[in-house]
């Protein structure tokens, strides 16, 4: 594994893991008052486009990171919509 690929996978891991506590808190407390729906929708669009880009160029760190990021942010958005 090259150093660049290692950095890519590390960034993918950290960039994805950072959303898990927010998703967990939103679902466990059912309190989404401090969460911006617009901000999360924009971020969902961003990571979805990065996922598409990763698929088009077959870049696995980008594909993996953004697949999990899409799932995490979808969870947050779903909680925001459900627990208005």
PDB file of N, CA and C in Angstrom:
ATOM      1  N   UNK A   1       0.850  -1.169   0.000  1.00  0.00           N
ATOM      2  CA  UNK A   1       0.000   0.000   0.000  1.00  0.00           C
ATOM      3  C   UNK A   1       0.902   1.241   0.000  1.00  0.00           C
ATOM      4  N   UNK A   2       0.599   2.138  -0.920  1.00  0.00           N
ATOM      5  CA  UNK A   2       1.397   3.364  -1.025  1.00  0.00           C
ATOM      6  C   UNK A   2       1.031   4.340   0.090  1.00  0.00           C
ATOM      7  N   UNK A   3       1.935   5.268   0.407  1.00  0.00           N
ATOM      8  CA  UNK A   3       1.603   6.275   1.421  1.00  0.00           C
ATOM      9  C   UNK A   3       0.364   7.098   1.047  1.00  0.00           C
ATOM     10  N   UNK A   4       0.208   7.419  -0.228  1.00  0.00           N
ATOM     11  CA  UNK A   4      -0.955   8.194  -0.666  1.00  0.00           C
ATOM     12  C   UNK A   4      -2.244   7.416  -0.432  1.00  0.00           C
ATOM     13  N   UNK A   5      -2.240   6.134  -0.719  1.00  0.00           N
ATOM     14  CA  UNK A   5      -3.428   5.310  -0.511  1.00  0.00           C
ATOM     15  C   UNK A   5      -3.726   5.164   0.980  1.00  0.00           C
ATOM     16  N   UNK A   6      -2.681   5.041   1.777  1.00  0.00           N
ATOM     17  CA  UNK A   6      -2.859   4.963   3.226  1.00  0.00           C
ATOM     18  C   UNK A   6      -3.500   6.242   3.770  1.00  0.00           C
ATOM     19  N   UNK A   7      -3.028   7.386   3.300  1.00  0.00           N
ATOM     20  CA  UNK A   7      -3.618   8.667   3.701  1.00  0.00           C
ATOM     21  C   UNK A   7      -5.075   8.739   3.254  1.00  0.00           C
ATOM     22  N   UNK A   8      -5.356   8.253   2.063  1.00  0.00           N
ATOM     23  CA  UNK A   8      -6.723   8.239   1.558  1.00  0.00           C
ATOM     24  C   UNK A   8      -7.648   7.406   2.430  1.00  0.00           C
ATOM     25  N   UNK A   9      -7.201   6.231   2.820  1.00  0.00           N
ATOM     26  CA  UNK A   9      -8.029   5.376   3.674  1.00  0.00           C
ATOM     27  C   UNK A   9      -8.180   5.964   5.078  1.00  0.00           C
ATOM     28  N   UNK A  10      -7.132   6.585   5.596  1.00  0.00           N
ATOM     29  CA  UNK A  10      -7.224   7.219   6.913  1.00  0.00           C
ATOM     30  C   UNK A  10      -8.214   8.388   6.875  1.00  0.00           C
ATOM     31  N   UNK A  11      -8.138   9.206   5.833  1.00  0.00           N
ATOM     32  CA  UNK A  11      -9.086  10.313   5.675  1.00  0.00           C
ATOM     33  C   UNK A  11     -10.506   9.781   5.527  1.00  0.00           C
ATOM     34  N   UNK A  12     -10.655   8.693   4.797  1.00  0.00           N
ATOM     35  CA  UNK A  12     -11.978   8.075   4.626  1.00  0.00           C
ATOM     36  C   UNK A  12     -12.536   7.617   5.968  1.00  0.00           C
ATOM     37  N   UNK A  13     -11.709   6.985   6.765  1.00  0.00           N
ATOM     38  CA  UNK A  13     -12.146   6.497   8.064  1.00  0.00           C
ATOM     39  C   UNK A  13     -12.546   7.649   8.984  1.00  0.00           C
ATOM     40  N   UNK A  14     -11.673   8.629   9.127  1.00  0.00           N
ATOM     41  CA  UNK A  14     -11.946   9.741  10.032  1.00  0.00           C
ATOM     42  C   UNK A  14     -13.111  10.603   9.556  1.00  0.00           C
ATOM     43  N   UNK A  15     -13.193  10.822   8.257  1.00  0.00           N
ATOM     44  CA  UNK A  15     -14.275  11.631   7.695  1.00  0.00           C
ATOM     45  C   UNK A  15     -15.636  10.984   7.843  1.00  0.00           C
ATOM     46  N   UNK A  16     -15.663   9.688   7.946  1.00  0.00           N
ATOM     47  CA  UNK A  16     -16.920   8.965   8.109  1.00  0.00           C
ATOM     48  C   UNK A  16     -17.283   8.812   9.580  1.00  0.00           C
ATOM     49  N   UNK A  17     -16.319   8.448  10.388  1.00  0.00           N
ATOM     50  CA  UNK A  17     -16.555   8.203  11.804  1.00  0.00           C
ATOM     51  C   UNK A  17     -17.065   9.466  12.506  1.00  0.00           C
ATOM     52  N   UNK A  18     -16.661  10.627  12.054  1.00  0.00           N
ATOM     53  CA  UNK A  18     -17.048  11.866  12.732  1.00  0.00           C
ATOM     54  C   UNK A  18     -18.558  12.111  12.702  1.00  0.00           C
ATOM     55  N   UNK A  19     -19.297  11.496  11.780  1.00  0.00           N
ATOM     56  CA  UNK A  19     -20.748  11.694  11.689  1.00  0.00           C
ATOM     57  C   UNK A  19     -21.537  10.725  12.544  1.00  0.00           C
ATOM     58  N   UNK A  20     -20.915   9.651  12.971  1.00  0.00           N
ATOM     59  CA  UNK A  20     -21.633   8.622  13.730  1.00  0.00           C
ATOM     60  C   UNK A  20     -22.150   9.144  15.072  1.00  0.00           C
ATOM     61  N   UNK A  21     -21.368   9.894  15.863  1.00  0.00           N
ATOM     62  CA  UNK A  21     -21.917  10.392  17.128  1.00  0.00           C
ATOM     63  C   UNK A  21     -23.144  11.287  16.944  1.00  0.00           C
ATOM     64  N   UNK A  22     -23.146  12.118  15.897  1.00  0.00           N
ATOM     65  CA  UNK A  22     -24.297  12.986  15.651  1.00  0.00           C
ATOM     66  C   UNK A  22     -25.526  12.170  15.289  1.00  0.00           C
ATOM     67  N   UNK A  23     -25.357  11.164  14.452  1.00  0.00           N
ATOM     68  CA  UNK A  23     -26.483  10.303  14.074  1.00  0.00           C
ATOM     69  C   UNK A  23     -27.002   9.547  15.297  1.00  0.00           C
ATOM     70  N   UNK A  24     -26.095   9.029  16.098  1.00  0.00           N
ATOM     71  CA  UNK A  24     -26.493   8.276  17.306  1.00  0.00           C
ATOM     72  C   UNK A  24     -27.275   9.171  18.264  1.00  0.00           C
ATOM     73  N   UNK A  25     -26.756  10.380  18.492  1.00  0.00           N
ATOM     74  CA  UNK A  25     -27.411  11.301  19.418  1.00  0.00           C
ATOM     75  C   UNK A  25     -28.795  11.702  18.910  1.00  0.00           C
ATOM     76  N   UNK A  26     -28.911  11.970  17.628  1.00  0.00           N
ATOM     77  CA  UNK A  26     -30.200  12.379  17.062  1.00  0.00           C
ATOM     78  C   UNK A  26     -31.248  11.287  17.254  1.00  0.00           C
ATOM     79  N   UNK A  27     -30.873  10.043  17.023  1.00  0.00           N
ATOM     80  CA  UNK A  27     -31.836   8.951  17.149  1.00  0.00           C
ATOM     81  C   UNK A  27     -32.089   8.557  18.596  1.00  0.00           C
ATOM     82  N   UNK A  28     -31.057   8.591  19.422  1.00  0.00           N
ATOM     83  CA  UNK A  28     -31.251   8.138  20.796  1.00  0.00           C
ATOM     84  C   UNK A  28     -31.994   9.160  21.655  1.00  0.00           C
ATOM     85  N   UNK A  29     -31.778  10.453  21.406  1.00  0.00           N
ATOM     86  CA  UNK A  29     -32.456  11.478  22.201  1.00  0.00           C
ATOM     87  C   UNK A  29     -33.729  11.997  21.538  1.00  0.00           C
ATOM     88  N   UNK A  30     -33.850  11.749  20.254  1.00  0.00           N
ATOM     89  CA  UNK A  30     -34.957  12.286  19.448  1.00  0.00           C
ATOM     90  C   UNK A  30     -34.997  13.810  19.484  1.00  0.00           C
ATOM     91  N   UNK A  31     -33.858  14.414  19.780  1.00  0.00           N
ATOM     92  CA  UNK A  31     -33.738  15.868  19.812  1.00  0.00           C
ATOM     93  C   UNK A  31     -32.884  16.301  18.630  1.00  0.00           C
ATOM     94  N   UNK A  32     -33.521  16.916  17.664  1.00  0.00           N
ATOM     95  CA  UNK A  32     -32.804  17.387  16.481  1.00  0.00           C
ATOM     96  C   UNK A  32     -32.890  18.904  16.363  1.00  0.00           C
ATOM     97  N   UNK A  33     -33.217  19.561  17.460  1.00  0.00           N
ATOM     98  CA  UNK A  33     -33.402  21.017  17.416  1.00  0.00           C
ATOM     99  C   UNK A  33     -32.111  21.755  17.048  1.00  0.00           C
ATOM    100  N   UNK A  34     -30.982  21.202  17.382  1.00  0.00           N
ATOM    101  CA  UNK A  34     -29.713  21.854  17.074  1.00  0.00           C
ATOM    102  C   UNK A  34     -29.119  21.464  15.735  1.00  0.00           C
ATOM    103  N   UNK A  35     -29.871  20.728  14.939  1.00  0.00           N
ATOM    104  CA  UNK A  35     -29.368  20.239  13.650  1.00  0.00           C
ATOM    105  C   UNK A  35     -30.014  21.039  12.525  1.00  0.00           C
ATOM    106  N   UNK A  36     -29.192  21.531  11.622  1.00  0.00           N
ATOM    107  CA  UNK A  36     -29.692  22.277  10.469  1.00  0.00           C
ATOM    108  C   UNK A  36     -30.029  21.305   9.341  1.00  0.00           C
ATOM    109  N   UNK A  37     -31.295  21.279   8.944  1.00  0.00           N
ATOM    110  CA  UNK A  37     -31.700  20.414   7.836  1.00  0.00           C
ATOM    111  C   UNK A  37     -31.044  20.865   6.536  1.00  0.00           C
ATOM    112  N   UNK A  38     -31.029  22.165   6.277  1.00  0.00           N
ATOM    113  CA  UNK A  38     -30.429  22.682   5.048  1.00  0.00           C
ATOM    114  C   UNK A  38     -28.950  22.314   4.959  1.00  0.00           C
ATOM    115  N   UNK A  39     -28.235  22.517   6.039  1.00  0.00           N
ATOM    116  CA  UNK A  39     -26.808  22.189   6.056  1.00  0.00           C
ATOM    117  C   UNK A  39     -26.573  20.711   5.782  1.00  0.00           C
ATOM    118  N   UNK A  40     -27.348  19.859   6.416  1.00  0.00           N
ATOM    119  CA  UNK A  40     -27.179  18.418   6.213  1.00  0.00           C
ATOM    120  C   UNK A  40     -27.621  17.982   4.822  1.00  0.00           C
ATOM    121  N   UNK A  41     -28.628  18.627   4.265  1.00  0.00           N
ATOM    122  CA  UNK A  41     -29.031  18.302   2.885  1.00  0.00           C
ATOM    123  C   UNK A  41     -27.941  18.704   1.897  1.00  0.00           C
ATOM    124  N   UNK A  42     -27.326  19.854   2.121  1.00  0.00           N
ATOM    125  CA  UNK A  42     -26.218  20.274   1.261  1.00  0.00           C
ATOM    126  C   UNK A  42     -25.035  19.322   1.391  1.00  0.00           C
ATOM    127  N   UNK A  43     -24.745  18.906   2.619  1.00  0.00           N
ATOM    128  CA  UNK A  43     -23.644  17.969   2.807  1.00  0.00           C
ATOM    129  C   UNK A  43     -23.971  16.618   2.192  1.00  0.00           C
ATOM    130  N   UNK A  44     -25.230  16.189   2.289  1.00  0.00           N
ATOM    131  CA  UNK A  44     -25.643  14.936   1.661  1.00  0.00           C
ATOM    132  C   UNK A  44     -25.441  15.004   0.143  1.00  0.00           C
ATOM    133  N   UNK A  45     -25.774  16.131  -0.439  1.00  0.00           N
ATOM    134  CA  UNK A  45     -25.545  16.324  -1.874  1.00  0.00           C
ATOM    135  C   UNK A  45     -24.057  16.258  -2.194  1.00  0.00           C
ATOM    136  N   UNK A  46     -23.253  16.899  -1.356  1.00  0.00           N
ATOM    137  CA  UNK A  46     -21.802  16.908  -1.564  1.00  0.00           C
ATOM    138  C   UNK A  46     -21.216  15.504  -1.513  1.00  0.00           C
ATOM    139  N   UNK A  47     -21.530  14.750  -0.464  1.00  0.00           N
ATOM    140  CA  UNK A  47     -20.944  13.411  -0.353  1.00  0.00           C
ATOM    141  C   UNK A  47     -21.510  12.463  -1.407  1.00  0.00           C
ATOM    142  N   UNK A  48     -22.735  12.698  -1.843  1.00  0.00           N
ATOM    143  CA  UNK A  48     -23.297  11.885  -2.928  1.00  0.00           C
ATOM    144  C   UNK A  48     -22.542  12.138  -4.229  1.00  0.00           C
ATOM    145  N   UNK A  49     -22.218  13.386  -4.487  1.00  0.00           N
ATOM    146  CA  UNK A  49     -21.434  13.707  -5.682  1.00  0.00           C
ATOM    147  C   UNK A  49     -20.018  13.150  -5.592  1.00  0.00           C
ATOM    148  N   UNK A  50     -19.420  13.205  -4.401  1.00  0.00           N
ATOM    149  CA  UNK A  50     -18.095  12.606  -4.223  1.00  0.00           C
ATOM    150  C   UNK A  50     -18.152  11.094  -4.426  1.00  0.00           C
ATOM    151  N   UNK A  51     -19.233  10.475  -3.965  1.00  0.00           N
ATOM    152  CA  UNK A  51     -19.400   9.038  -4.185  1.00  0.00           C
ATOM    153  C   UNK A  51     -19.485   8.745  -5.674  1.00  0.00           C
ATOM    154  N   UNK A  52     -20.276   9.527  -6.389  1.00  0.00           N
ATOM    155  CA  UNK A  52     -20.387   9.348  -7.838  1.00  0.00           C
ATOM    156  C   UNK A  52     -19.030   9.531  -8.514  1.00  0.00           C
ATOM    157  N   UNK A  53     -18.309  10.555  -8.110  1.00  0.00           N
ATOM    158  CA  UNK A  53     -16.970  10.788  -8.650  1.00  0.00           C
ATOM    159  C   UNK A  53     -16.064   9.588  -8.380  1.00  0.00           C
ATOM    160  N   UNK A  54     -16.067   9.110  -7.141  1.00  0.00           N
ATOM    161  CA  UNK A  54     -15.243   7.952  -6.797  1.00  0.00           C
ATOM    162  C   UNK A  54     -15.570   6.738  -7.645  1.00  0.00           C
ATOM    163  N   UNK A  55     -16.864   6.530  -7.892  1.00  0.00           N
ATOM    164  CA  UNK A  55     -17.271   5.412  -8.744  1.00  0.00           C
ATOM    165  C   UNK A  55     -16.793   5.607 -10.181  1.00  0.00           C
ATOM    166  N   UNK A  56     -16.879   6.834 -10.676  1.00  0.00           N
ATOM    167  CA  UNK A  56     -16.464   7.109 -12.057  1.00  0.00           C
ATOM    168  C   UNK A  56     -14.971   6.927 -12.267  1.00  0.00           C
ATOM    169  N   UNK A  57     -14.167   7.254 -11.250  1.00  0.00           N
ATOM    170  CA  UNK A  57     -12.715   7.119 -11.398  1.00  0.00           C
ATOM    171  C   UNK A  57     -12.179   5.874 -10.704  1.00  0.00           C
ATOM    172  N   UNK A  58     -13.078   5.068 -10.114  1.00  0.00           N
ATOM    173  CA  UNK A  58     -12.714   3.823  -9.429  1.00  0.00           C
ATOM    174  C   UNK A  58     -11.685   4.050  -8.329  1.00  0.00           C
ATOM    175  N   UNK A  59     -11.934   5.048  -7.492  1.00  0.00           N
ATOM    176  CA  UNK A  59     -11.044   5.373  -6.382  1.00  0.00           C
ATOM    177  C   UNK A  59     -11.669   4.839  -5.096  1.00  0.00           C
ATOM    178  N   UNK A  60     -11.120   3.719  -4.595  1.00  0.00           N
ATOM    179  CA  UNK A  60     -11.729   3.018  -3.467  1.00  0.00           C
ATOM    180  C   UNK A  60     -11.813   3.804  -2.168  1.00  0.00           C
ATOM    181  N   UNK A  61     -10.771   4.557  -1.787  1.00  0.00           N
ATOM    182  CA  UNK A  61     -10.933   5.347  -0.557  1.00  0.00           C
ATOM    183  C   UNK A  61     -12.107   6.336  -0.656  1.00  0.00           C
ATOM    184  N   UNK A  62     -12.267   6.959  -1.796  1.00  0.00           N
ATOM    185  CA  UNK A  62     -13.378   7.904  -1.993  1.00  0.00           C
ATOM    186  C   UNK A  62     -14.711   7.167  -1.995  1.00  0.00           C
ATOM    187  N   UNK A  63     -14.772   6.018  -2.644  1.00  0.00           N
ATOM    188  CA  UNK A  63     -16.008   5.233  -2.692  1.00  0.00           C
ATOM    189  C   UNK A  63     -16.415   4.785  -1.294  1.00  0.00           C
ATOM    190  N   UNK A  64     -15.476   4.229  -0.565  1.00  0.00           N
ATOM    191  CA  UNK A  64     -15.781   3.712   0.778  1.00  0.00           C
ATOM    192  C   UNK A  64     -16.194   4.845   1.716  1.00  0.00           C
ATOM    193  N   UNK A  65     -15.394   5.901   1.739  1.00  0.00           N
ATOM    194  CA  UNK A  65     -15.687   7.012   2.644  1.00  0.00           C
ATOM    195  C   UNK A  65     -17.053   7.610   2.375  1.00  0.00           C
ATOM    196  N   UNK A  66     -17.355   7.839   1.131  1.00  0.00           N
ATOM    197  CA  UNK A  66     -18.592   8.525   0.804  1.00  0.00           C
ATOM    198  C   UNK A  66     -19.810   7.622   0.831  1.00  0.00           C
ATOM    199  N   UNK A  67     -19.628   6.329   0.684  1.00  0.00           N
ATOM    200  CA  UNK A  67     -20.743   5.408   0.885  1.00  0.00           C
ATOM    201  C   UNK A  67     -21.198   5.480   2.338  1.00  0.00           C
ATOM    202  N   UNK A  68     -20.245   5.393   3.249  1.00  0.00           N
ATOM    203  CA  UNK A  68     -20.591   5.461   4.670  1.00  0.00           C
ATOM    204  C   UNK A  68     -21.054   6.851   5.082  1.00  0.00           C
ATOM    205  N   UNK A  69     -20.467   7.894   4.486  1.00  0.00           N
ATOM    206  CA  UNK A  69     -20.887   9.261   4.800  1.00  0.00           C
ATOM    207  C   UNK A  69     -22.332   9.493   4.344  1.00  0.00           C
ATOM    208  N   UNK A  70     -22.677   8.999   3.164  1.00  0.00           N
ATOM    209  CA  UNK A  70     -24.062   9.122   2.683  1.00  0.00           C
ATOM    210  C   UNK A  70     -25.008   8.437   3.660  1.00  0.00           C
ATOM    211  N   UNK A  71     -24.655   7.239   4.103  1.00  0.00           N
ATOM    212  CA  UNK A  71     -25.518   6.512   5.041  1.00  0.00           C
ATOM    213  C   UNK A  71     -25.651   7.256   6.372  1.00  0.00           C
ATOM    214  N   UNK A  72     -24.549   7.772   6.894  1.00  0.00           N
ATOM    215  CA  UNK A  72     -24.583   8.488   8.170  1.00  0.00           C
ATOM    216  C   UNK A  72     -25.401   9.766   8.063  1.00  0.00           C
ATOM    217  N   UNK A  73     -25.186  10.537   7.011  1.00  0.00           N
ATOM    218  CA  UNK A  73     -25.912  11.801   6.866  1.00  0.00           C
ATOM    219  C   UNK A  73     -27.379  11.539   6.545  1.00  0.00           C
ATOM    220  N   UNK A  74     -27.671  10.483   5.787  1.00  0.00           N
ATOM    221  CA  UNK A  74     -29.078  10.110   5.560  1.00  0.00           C
ATOM    222  C   UNK A  74     -29.769   9.797   6.885  1.00  0.00           C
ATOM    223  N   UNK A  75     -29.056   9.144   7.779  1.00  0.00           N
ATOM    224  CA  UNK A  75     -29.600   8.833   9.094  1.00  0.00           C
ATOM    225  C   UNK A  75     -29.924  10.106   9.862  1.00  0.00           C
ATOM    226  N   UNK A  76     -29.034  11.079   9.793  1.00  0.00           N
ATOM    227  CA  UNK A  76     -29.247  12.360  10.469  1.00  0.00           C
ATOM    228  C   UNK A  76     -30.430  13.096   9.857  1.00  0.00           C
ATOM    229  N   UNK A  77     -30.481  13.140   8.551  1.00  0.00           N
ATOM    230  CA  UNK A  77     -31.584  13.818   7.852  1.00  0.00           C
ATOM    231  C   UNK A  77     -32.920  13.128   8.176  1.00  0.00           C
ATOM    232  N   UNK A  78     -32.915  11.803   8.172  1.00  0.00           N
ATOM    233  CA  UNK A  78     -34.137  11.064   8.495  1.00  0.00           C
ATOM    234  C   UNK A  78     -34.605  11.384   9.915  1.00  0.00           C
ATOM    235  N   UNK A  79     -33.663  11.455  10.858  1.00  0.00           N
ATOM    236  CA  UNK A  79     -34.005  11.796  12.233  1.00  0.00           C
ATOM    237  C   UNK A  79     -34.569  13.203  12.303  1.00  0.00           C
ATOM    238  N   UNK A  80     -33.966  14.134  11.592  1.00  0.00           N
ATOM    239  CA  UNK A  80     -34.427  15.518  11.586  1.00  0.00           C
ATOM    240  C   UNK A  80     -35.852  15.589  11.053  1.00  0.00           C
ATOM    241  N   UNK A  81     -36.140  14.873   9.998  1.00  0.00           N
ATOM    242  CA  UNK A  81     -37.486  14.891   9.415  1.00  0.00           C
ATOM    243  C   UNK A  81     -38.500  14.180  10.309  1.00  0.00           C
ATOM    244  N   UNK A  82     -38.081  13.105  10.955  1.00  0.00           N
ATOM    245  CA  UNK A  82     -38.986  12.341  11.791  1.00  0.00           C
ATOM    246  C   UNK A  82     -39.282  13.029  13.119  1.00  0.00           C
ATOM    247  N   UNK A  83     -38.274  13.656  13.717  1.00  0.00           N
ATOM    248  CA  UNK A  83     -38.426  14.242  15.048  1.00  0.00           C
ATOM    249  C   UNK A  83     -38.436  15.775  14.996  1.00  0.00           C
ATOM    250  N   UNK A  84     -39.134  16.347  14.059  1.00  0.00           N
ATOM    251  CA  UNK A  84     -39.175  17.808  13.896  1.00  0.00           C
ATOM    252  C   UNK A  84     -39.418  18.506  15.195  1.00  0.00           C
TER     253      UNK A  84
END
